[in-house]
Amino acid sequence: MTERKKDIFDRIMEVPGFRIFEPFYRKHREVLLYLLFGGLTTVISIGSYGYLIYLGMEPLIANVISWILAVLFAYVTNSTWVFEARPQNLAERCRQILGFYGGRVATLLMEETILLLFVELLAWNAMLVKVAAQVLVVVANYVISKLWVFRKR
């Protein structure tokens, strides 16, 4: 590896049997980790949403609660492993956190609008709409994180 410290994912690529994937992993590391953690974030979001719907909660309220849980997980994983954000001081960390949450609020509003239109107004299946909305949210969140929040200065 170059200048950065090896993490658990780099060490996995050193395990016999995984070494064949190392060149691909090195070339596409950021996107692969984003997809991994984006997938896990989506599982947290959809899982908690489904559970709250099962408990009888209104879909829009359940979505906000699932969003809070998912964004907390996403910030930690994105800043630590995906974009390897290493703020130099507290002001930089605060800017990063505010930017991350601000971007996520924008995509939450996008998702809430999709749920309002398709679940509340058109009475489509809440889980199917949630899954479709998550695809759009993951793409939008990557663009926001890459180009705005964790961009290299």
Protein backbone atom coordinates (compact mmCIF):
# COMPACT_ATOMS: atom_id res chain seq x y z
CA MET A 1 0.00 0.00 0.00
CA THR A 2 1.13 3.56 -0.48
CA GLU A 3 0.92 6.22 2.24
CA ARG A 4 -2.21 5.16 4.03
CA LYS A 5 -2.35 2.68 6.87
CA LYS A 6 -3.67 -0.79 6.04
CA ASP A 7 -7.15 -1.48 7.31
CA ILE A 8 -9.18 -4.66 7.68
CA PHE A 9 -10.18 -4.64 4.01
CA ASP A 10 -6.55 -4.38 2.85
CA ARG A 11 -5.67 -7.29 5.12
CA ILE A 12 -8.49 -9.39 3.69
CA MET A 13 -6.98 -8.91 0.24
CA GLU A 14 -3.73 -10.41 1.56
CA VAL A 15 -5.45 -13.69 2.54
CA PRO A 16 -4.66 -16.54 0.13
CA GLY A 17 -7.61 -16.97 -2.18
CA PHE A 18 -8.46 -13.28 -2.08
CA ARG A 19 -5.14 -12.08 -3.58
CA ILE A 20 -6.49 -12.63 -7.07
CA PHE A 21 -8.96 -9.78 -6.43
CA GLU A 22 -6.37 -7.34 -5.02
CA PRO A 23 -5.60 -5.43 -8.28
CA PHE A 24 -9.33 -4.90 -8.90
CA TYR A 25 -9.85 -3.95 -5.25
CA ARG A 26 -7.01 -1.40 -5.30
CA LYS A 27 -8.28 0.18 -8.49
CA HIS A 28 -11.90 0.42 -7.33
CA ARG A 29 -11.49 0.46 -3.54
CA GLU A 30 -13.56 3.57 -2.84
CA VAL A 31 -16.54 2.51 -4.94
CA LEU A 32 -16.44 -1.08 -3.64
CA LEU A 33 -16.38 0.05 -0.01
CA TYR A 34 -19.08 2.62 -0.70
CA LEU A 35 -21.27 -0.10 -2.20
CA LEU A 36 -20.55 -2.43 0.73
CA PHE A 37 -21.37 0.16 3.37
CA GLY A 38 -24.16 1.65 1.26
CA GLY A 39 -25.67 -1.82 1.11
CA LEU A 40 -25.36 -2.24 4.87
CA THR A 41 -26.82 1.25 5.38
CA THR A 42 -29.71 0.28 3.13
CA VAL A 43 -30.28 -2.90 5.15
CA ILE A 44 -30.38 -0.80 8.34
CA SER A 45 -32.75 1.69 6.72
CA ILE A 46 -35.11 -0.84 5.16
CA GLY A 47 -34.95 -3.23 8.11
CA SER A 48 -35.78 -0.59 10.69
CA TYR A 49 -38.43 0.92 8.39
CA GLY A 50 -40.07 -2.47 7.87
CA TYR A 51 -40.01 -3.21 11.58
CA LEU A 52 -41.57 0.14 12.44
CA ILE A 53 -44.26 -0.33 9.76
CA TYR A 54 -44.91 -3.81 11.20
CA LEU A 55 -45.42 -2.16 14.61
CA GLY A 56 -48.09 0.07 13.02
CA MET A 57 -46.16 3.31 12.68
CA GLU A 58 -47.07 5.78 9.93
CA PRO A 59 -44.75 5.33 6.90
CA LEU A 60 -43.40 8.91 6.86
CA ILE A 61 -42.54 8.84 10.56
CA ALA A 62 -41.03 5.36 10.27
CA ASN A 63 -38.90 6.63 7.39
CA VAL A 64 -37.46 9.51 9.44
CA ILE A 65 -36.51 7.17 12.29
CA SER A 66 -34.94 4.66 9.91
CA TRP A 67 -33.08 7.55 8.26
CA ILE A 68 -31.57 8.69 11.58
CA LEU A 69 -30.25 5.19 12.30
CA ALA A 70 -28.91 4.72 8.77
CA VAL A 71 -27.18 8.12 8.56
CA LEU A 72 -25.39 7.59 11.85
CA PHE A 73 -23.98 4.29 10.54
CA ALA A 74 -23.19 5.82 7.14
CA TYR A 75 -21.23 8.77 8.54
CA VAL A 76 -18.97 6.58 10.64
CA THR A 77 -18.25 4.09 7.85
CA ASN A 78 -17.91 6.67 5.07
CA SER A 79 -15.60 8.97 6.97
CA THR A 80 -13.48 6.10 8.34
CA TRP A 81 -13.13 3.63 5.46
CA VAL A 82 -14.70 4.84 2.22
CA PHE A 83 -13.35 8.36 1.86
CA GLU A 84 -10.71 8.10 4.61
CA ALA A 85 -11.52 11.58 5.83
CA ARG A 86 -8.89 12.77 8.26
CA PRO A 87 -9.93 16.20 9.50
CA GLN A 88 -7.01 18.21 10.84
CA ASN A 89 -9.01 20.02 13.53
CA LEU A 90 -12.40 20.31 15.19
CA ALA A 91 -13.62 23.01 12.80
CA GLU A 92 -12.87 20.77 9.82
CA ARG A 93 -14.62 17.81 11.50
CA CYS A 94 -17.68 19.97 12.20
CA ARG A 95 -17.75 21.19 8.58
CA GLN A 96 -17.56 17.59 7.42
CA ILE A 97 -20.34 16.40 9.73
CA LEU A 98 -22.61 19.32 8.84
CA GLY A 99 -21.99 18.75 5.13
CA PHE A 100 -22.65 15.03 5.46
CA TYR A 101 -25.88 15.48 7.38
CA GLY A 102 -26.93 18.37 5.12
CA GLY A 103 -26.51 16.18 2.05
CA ARG A 104 -28.41 13.39 3.72
CA VAL A 105 -31.23 15.78 4.64
CA ALA A 106 -31.50 16.68 0.94
CA THR A 107 -31.80 13.01 -0.04
CA LEU A 108 -34.20 12.39 2.87
CA LEU A 109 -36.47 15.08 1.45
CA MET A 110 -36.17 13.43 -1.95
CA GLU A 111 -37.09 10.06 -0.42
CA GLU A 112 -39.95 11.48 1.64
CA THR A 113 -41.38 13.07 -1.53
CA ILE A 114 -41.19 9.71 -3.33
CA LEU A 115 -42.92 7.97 -0.40
CA LEU A 116 -45.57 10.67 -0.16
CA LEU A 117 -46.38 10.45 -3.86
CA PHE A 118 -46.29 6.71 -4.33
CA VAL A 119 -47.33 5.32 -0.93
CA GLU A 120 -49.65 7.95 0.51
CA LEU A 121 -51.24 9.35 -2.65
CA LEU A 122 -51.11 6.41 -5.08
CA ALA A 123 -51.33 3.63 -2.43
CA TRP A 124 -48.44 1.61 -3.88
CA ASN A 125 -46.73 -1.02 -1.73
CA ALA A 126 -44.68 0.79 0.94
CA MET A 127 -41.78 -1.68 0.95
CA LEU A 128 -41.41 -1.76 -2.84
CA VAL A 129 -41.42 2.02 -3.03
CA LYS A 130 -38.90 2.22 -0.18
CA VAL A 131 -36.51 -0.17 -1.95
CA ALA A 132 -36.77 1.73 -5.25
CA ALA A 133 -36.24 5.04 -3.47
CA GLN A 134 -33.14 3.63 -1.75
CA VAL A 135 -31.46 3.02 -5.11
CA LEU A 136 -31.86 6.69 -6.00
CA VAL A 137 -30.75 7.76 -2.53
CA VAL A 138 -27.54 5.68 -2.62
CA VAL A 139 -26.48 7.19 -5.94
CA ALA A 140 -27.30 10.74 -4.85
CA ASN A 141 -25.50 10.27 -1.51
CA TYR A 142 -22.33 9.03 -3.24
CA VAL A 143 -22.25 12.05 -5.54
CA ILE A 144 -22.81 14.46 -2.65
CA SER A 145 -20.17 12.77 -0.47
CA LYS A 146 -17.58 12.48 -3.24
CA LEU A 147 -17.97 15.96 -4.75
CA TRP A 148 -18.87 17.99 -1.68
CA VAL A 149 -18.42 16.49 1.78
CA PHE A 150 -15.24 14.39 1.53
CA ARG A 151 -13.61 16.00 -1.51
CA LYS A 152 -9.84 16.20 -1.41
CA ARG A 153 -8.71 19.75 -0.80
